[in-house]
Amino acid sequence: MPTDRIILTLALIGGTGREGKGLGYRWARAGYNIIIGSRSPEKAEAAAREINERIGGEAVSGMVNARAAEVCDIAVLTVPYDAHAATLESVRQSLAGKILIDVTAPIRPPKISVVHVPAKGSAAQEAQALLGDEVRVVSAFQNVSHEHLEQDHPVPCDVLVSGDDGEAKQQVLRLVEAAGMVGWDAGPLQNAVVAEGLTSVLLGINRRYKMKGAGIRITGVEL
């Protein structure tokens, strides 16, 4: 069970994809209340049922994105980059005063293995600019494949966490641990460009070496 608070409710905004469901599964298994959000309530409810069946419980519910953002304690954005701005606009008012974990990597198909740097530096910085100072944006989880999140085995890669609010980063680092991974404070939100860009590098490695789920490890420290 979570040990850092009264049980938090986490909303996976746009969470019906494999990344969102993988994170939702791991956090639900760790004892958090989970909401799967979607533009379609039917898709959200179907994804929630799928996770509940896996965990043998009722910790996961499904609802439209705006409602999920309204009732959650912490929101997690898990949408493709081409839906990033529009999704944020749709939940903007509901996120005031909250932490938003932005998992988005600015990938532009079909060149998914070529790094794209947004005009503001990163998708996370775009999110912060769009949402304003009332929302504490933290960047994390871009380099963790759904191939690992969906499984019960330990995840063989680390998580870089960047943001401008120290308390928010610590909360996200606790969520990284709850999901079964090692997290590292990677500095201010400006540094999110590195983790986001690494996603394209890792996708290219997967393709060239016929792998699945390439990730990163921080070395030099024994944990």
Protein backbone atom coordinates (compact mmCIF):
# COMPACT_ATOMS: atom_id res chain seq x y z
CA MET A 1 0.00 0.00 0.00
CA PRO A 2 1.14 3.58 -0.53
CA THR A 3 2.90 4.96 2.55
CA ASP A 4 3.25 8.67 1.71
CA ARG A 5 -0.29 9.89 2.33
CA ILE A 6 -3.99 9.35 2.55
CA ILE A 7 -4.69 7.28 -0.55
CA LEU A 8 -4.24 9.53 -3.55
CA THR A 9 -6.32 9.40 -6.69
CA LEU A 10 -4.28 9.41 -9.89
CA ALA A 11 -5.89 10.25 -13.24
CA LEU A 12 -4.34 8.94 -16.45
CA ILE A 13 -5.45 11.61 -18.93
CA GLY A 14 -5.73 9.96 -22.33
CA GLY A 15 -4.93 6.76 -20.47
CA THR A 16 -6.53 4.13 -22.71
CA GLY A 17 -3.29 3.46 -24.61
CA ARG A 18 -0.73 0.90 -23.56
CA GLU A 19 1.47 3.37 -21.65
CA GLY A 20 -1.43 4.74 -19.66
CA LYS A 21 -2.88 1.33 -18.87
CA GLY A 22 0.56 0.02 -17.91
CA LEU A 23 1.16 2.81 -15.41
CA GLY A 24 -2.43 2.55 -14.16
CA TYR A 25 -2.02 -1.17 -13.58
CA ARG A 26 1.19 -0.76 -11.60
CA TRP A 27 -0.18 2.04 -9.41
CA ALA A 28 -3.48 0.26 -8.82
CA ARG A 29 -1.54 -2.82 -7.76
CA ALA A 30 0.43 -0.59 -5.37
CA GLY A 31 -2.77 0.60 -3.70
CA TYR A 32 -3.60 3.90 -5.37
CA ASN A 33 -7.04 4.87 -6.64
CA ILE A 34 -6.83 5.12 -10.43
CA ILE A 35 -8.96 6.91 -13.00
CA ILE A 36 -8.53 6.15 -16.67
CA GLY A 37 -9.50 9.21 -18.68
CA SER A 38 -10.48 9.42 -22.34
CA ARG A 39 -12.51 11.57 -24.72
CA SER A 40 -14.78 8.52 -24.95
CA PRO A 41 -16.41 7.36 -21.68
CA GLU A 42 -16.94 3.92 -23.20
CA LYS A 43 -13.23 3.50 -23.96
CA ALA A 44 -12.30 4.76 -20.50
CA GLU A 45 -14.65 2.34 -18.78
CA ALA A 46 -13.45 -0.58 -20.90
CA ALA A 47 -9.81 0.15 -20.02
CA ALA A 48 -10.72 0.41 -16.33
CA ARG A 49 -12.49 -2.95 -16.41
CA GLU A 50 -9.45 -4.51 -18.05
CA ILE A 51 -7.16 -3.36 -15.25
CA ASN A 52 -9.64 -4.28 -12.51
CA GLU A 53 -9.81 -7.80 -13.89
CA ARG A 54 -6.02 -8.06 -13.73
CA ILE A 55 -5.76 -6.84 -10.12
CA GLY A 56 -8.89 -8.61 -8.93
CA GLY A 57 -10.40 -5.44 -7.45
CA GLU A 58 -12.33 -2.25 -8.12
CA ALA A 59 -9.62 0.39 -7.64
CA VAL A 60 -9.86 1.66 -11.22
CA SER A 61 -12.67 3.70 -12.75
CA GLY A 62 -13.13 5.28 -16.16
CA MET A 63 -14.48 8.70 -17.09
CA VAL A 64 -14.03 11.51 -19.59
CA ASN A 65 -10.76 13.43 -19.37
CA ALA A 66 -12.19 16.66 -17.98
CA ARG A 67 -13.99 14.91 -15.13
CA ALA A 68 -10.95 12.73 -14.38
CA ALA A 69 -8.77 15.85 -14.12
CA GLU A 70 -11.34 17.53 -11.87
CA VAL A 71 -11.59 14.79 -9.23
CA CYS A 72 -7.99 13.53 -9.13
CA ASP A 73 -5.18 14.55 -6.80
CA ILE A 74 -2.46 14.12 -9.44
CA ALA A 75 -2.92 13.97 -13.21
CA VAL A 76 -0.71 12.01 -15.60
CA LEU A 77 -0.79 12.96 -19.28
CA THR A 78 -0.22 9.94 -21.54
CA VAL A 79 -1.19 11.06 -25.04
CA PRO A 80 0.71 11.17 -28.34
CA TYR A 81 2.38 14.47 -29.07
CA ASP A 82 -0.08 15.39 -31.81
CA ALA A 83 -2.84 15.37 -29.17
CA HIS A 84 -0.77 17.09 -26.47
CA ALA A 85 -1.93 20.70 -26.76
CA ALA A 86 -5.59 19.94 -27.47
CA THR A 87 -5.84 17.54 -24.53
CA LEU A 88 -4.23 20.03 -22.17
CA GLU A 89 -6.65 22.73 -23.30
CA SER A 90 -9.58 20.42 -22.56
CA VAL A 91 -8.51 19.85 -18.93
CA ARG A 92 -6.79 23.15 -18.20
CA GLN A 93 -9.31 24.59 -15.78
CA SER A 94 -9.53 21.36 -13.79
CA LEU A 95 -5.79 21.15 -13.13
CA ALA A 96 -5.32 24.39 -11.19
CA GLY A 97 -3.41 23.75 -7.96
CA LYS A 98 -2.43 20.21 -8.96
CA ILE A 99 0.61 18.31 -10.16
CA LEU A 100 0.63 17.21 -13.79
CA ILE A 101 3.07 14.46 -14.74
CA ASP A 102 3.77 14.85 -18.45
CA VAL A 103 4.83 11.56 -20.05
CA THR A 104 4.69 12.94 -23.58
CA ALA A 105 7.65 12.70 -25.93
CA PRO A 106 7.50 15.01 -28.98
CA ILE A 107 7.69 12.24 -31.57
CA ARG A 108 6.64 13.06 -35.13
CA PRO A 109 5.76 9.99 -37.21
CA PRO A 110 6.92 8.58 -39.49
CA LYS A 111 10.38 9.71 -38.31
CA ILE A 112 9.96 8.32 -34.81
CA SER A 113 13.68 7.70 -34.34
CA VAL A 114 14.65 11.30 -35.16
CA VAL A 115 14.73 13.72 -32.23
CA HIS A 116 12.29 16.63 -32.53
CA VAL A 117 12.79 19.62 -30.22
CA PRO A 118 9.67 21.79 -29.80
CA ALA A 119 9.93 25.57 -30.04
CA LYS A 120 9.71 25.94 -26.25
CA GLY A 121 12.38 23.29 -25.69
CA SER A 122 10.24 20.31 -24.66
CA ALA A 123 6.68 19.06 -24.52
CA ALA A 124 6.77 19.52 -20.74
CA GLN A 125 7.72 23.19 -21.11
CA GLU A 126 4.92 23.61 -23.63
CA ALA A 127 2.55 22.13 -21.05
CA GLN A 128 3.78 24.50 -18.35
CA ALA A 129 3.40 27.52 -20.63
CA LEU A 130 -0.11 26.49 -21.62
CA LEU A 131 -1.30 25.66 -18.09
CA GLY A 132 0.35 28.53 -16.25
CA ASP A 133 1.98 28.74 -12.84
CA GLU A 134 -1.00 27.31 -10.96
CA VAL A 135 -0.12 23.84 -12.24
CA ARG A 136 3.14 22.15 -11.23
CA VAL A 137 4.33 20.26 -14.31
CA VAL A 138 6.79 17.41 -13.81
CA SER A 139 8.31 15.43 -16.67
CA ALA A 140 8.81 11.67 -16.21
CA PHE A 141 8.47 8.15 -17.68
CA GLN A 142 9.30 8.97 -21.32
CA ASN A 143 12.01 6.30 -21.50
CA VAL A 144 10.01 3.40 -20.05
CA SER A 145 8.36 1.16 -22.62
CA HIS A 146 4.84 -0.17 -22.22
CA GLU A 147 6.42 -3.55 -22.98
CA HIS A 148 7.69 -3.49 -19.37
CA LEU A 149 4.89 -1.57 -17.66
CA GLU A 150 2.27 -4.09 -18.73
CA GLN A 151 4.18 -7.01 -17.24
CA ASP A 152 4.73 -8.11 -13.64
CA HIS A 153 8.51 -8.35 -13.89
CA PRO A 154 10.83 -5.65 -12.45
CA VAL A 155 11.32 -2.83 -14.95
CA PRO A 156 14.94 -2.91 -16.17
CA CYS A 157 15.34 0.85 -16.66
CA ASP A 158 15.38 4.05 -14.64
CA VAL A 159 13.20 7.15 -14.76
CA LEU A 160 14.45 10.74 -15.16
CA VAL A 161 12.24 13.22 -13.30
CA SER A 162 12.52 16.94 -14.02
CA GLY A 163 10.54 19.90 -12.79
CA ASP A 164 10.79 23.33 -11.20
CA ASP A 165 8.96 22.49 -7.97
CA GLY A 166 10.97 20.40 -5.52
CA GLU A 167 8.02 19.03 -3.55
CA ALA A 168 6.23 18.01 -6.74
CA LYS A 169 9.33 16.17 -7.96
CA GLN A 170 9.58 14.30 -4.67
CA GLN A 171 5.96 13.22 -4.98
CA VAL A 172 6.62 11.94 -8.50
CA LEU A 173 9.76 10.12 -7.35
CA ARG A 174 7.59 8.31 -4.79
CA LEU A 175 5.21 7.31 -7.58
CA VAL A 176 8.13 6.02 -9.64
CA GLU A 177 9.13 3.80 -6.71
CA ALA A 178 5.52 2.66 -6.21
CA ALA A 179 5.45 1.58 -9.86
CA GLY A 180 8.53 -0.59 -9.28
CA MET A 181 11.24 1.58 -10.79
CA VAL A 182 14.19 3.72 -9.73
CA GLY A 183 13.77 7.44 -10.26
CA TRP A 184 16.35 10.22 -10.40
CA ASP A 185 15.94 13.95 -9.88
CA ALA A 186 17.13 15.22 -13.27
CA GLY A 187 16.93 18.91 -12.43
CA PRO A 188 14.65 21.71 -13.66
CA LEU A 189 11.88 21.33 -16.21
CA GLN A 190 14.21 22.75 -18.85
CA ASN A 191 16.12 19.44 -18.70
CA ALA A 192 13.05 17.52 -19.89
CA VAL A 193 14.33 18.00 -23.44
CA VAL A 194 16.97 15.35 -22.76
CA ALA A 195 14.62 12.61 -21.53
CA GLU A 196 12.09 13.41 -24.24
CA GLY A 197 14.75 13.25 -26.95
CA LEU A 198 16.10 9.97 -25.61
CA THR A 199 12.75 8.37 -26.47
CA SER A 200 13.48 8.72 -30.18
CA VAL A 201 17.01 7.42 -29.64
CA LEU A 202 15.69 4.34 -27.82
CA LEU A 203 13.05 3.70 -30.49
CA GLY A 204 15.81 3.77 -33.09
CA ILE A 205 17.86 1.30 -31.05
CA ASN A 206 14.85 -1.00 -30.79
CA ARG A 207 14.43 -0.92 -34.55
CA ARG A 208 18.08 -1.35 -35.51
CA TYR A 209 18.82 -4.14 -33.05
CA LYS A 210 15.40 -5.83 -33.28
CA MET A 211 14.72 -5.26 -29.59
CA LYS A 212 11.69 -4.33 -27.53
CA GLY A 213 11.70 -1.95 -24.62
CA ALA A 214 15.21 -0.47 -24.66
CA GLY A 215 15.70 1.82 -21.67
CA ILE A 216 18.35 3.67 -19.67
CA ARG A 217 20.20 3.03 -16.41
CA ILE A 218 22.06 5.50 -14.20
CA THR A 219 25.38 3.97 -13.16
CA GLY A 220 27.96 4.84 -10.53
CA VAL A 221 25.75 4.40 -7.48
CA GLU A 222 24.85 1.12 -5.79
CA LEU A 223 21.21 0.99 -4.73
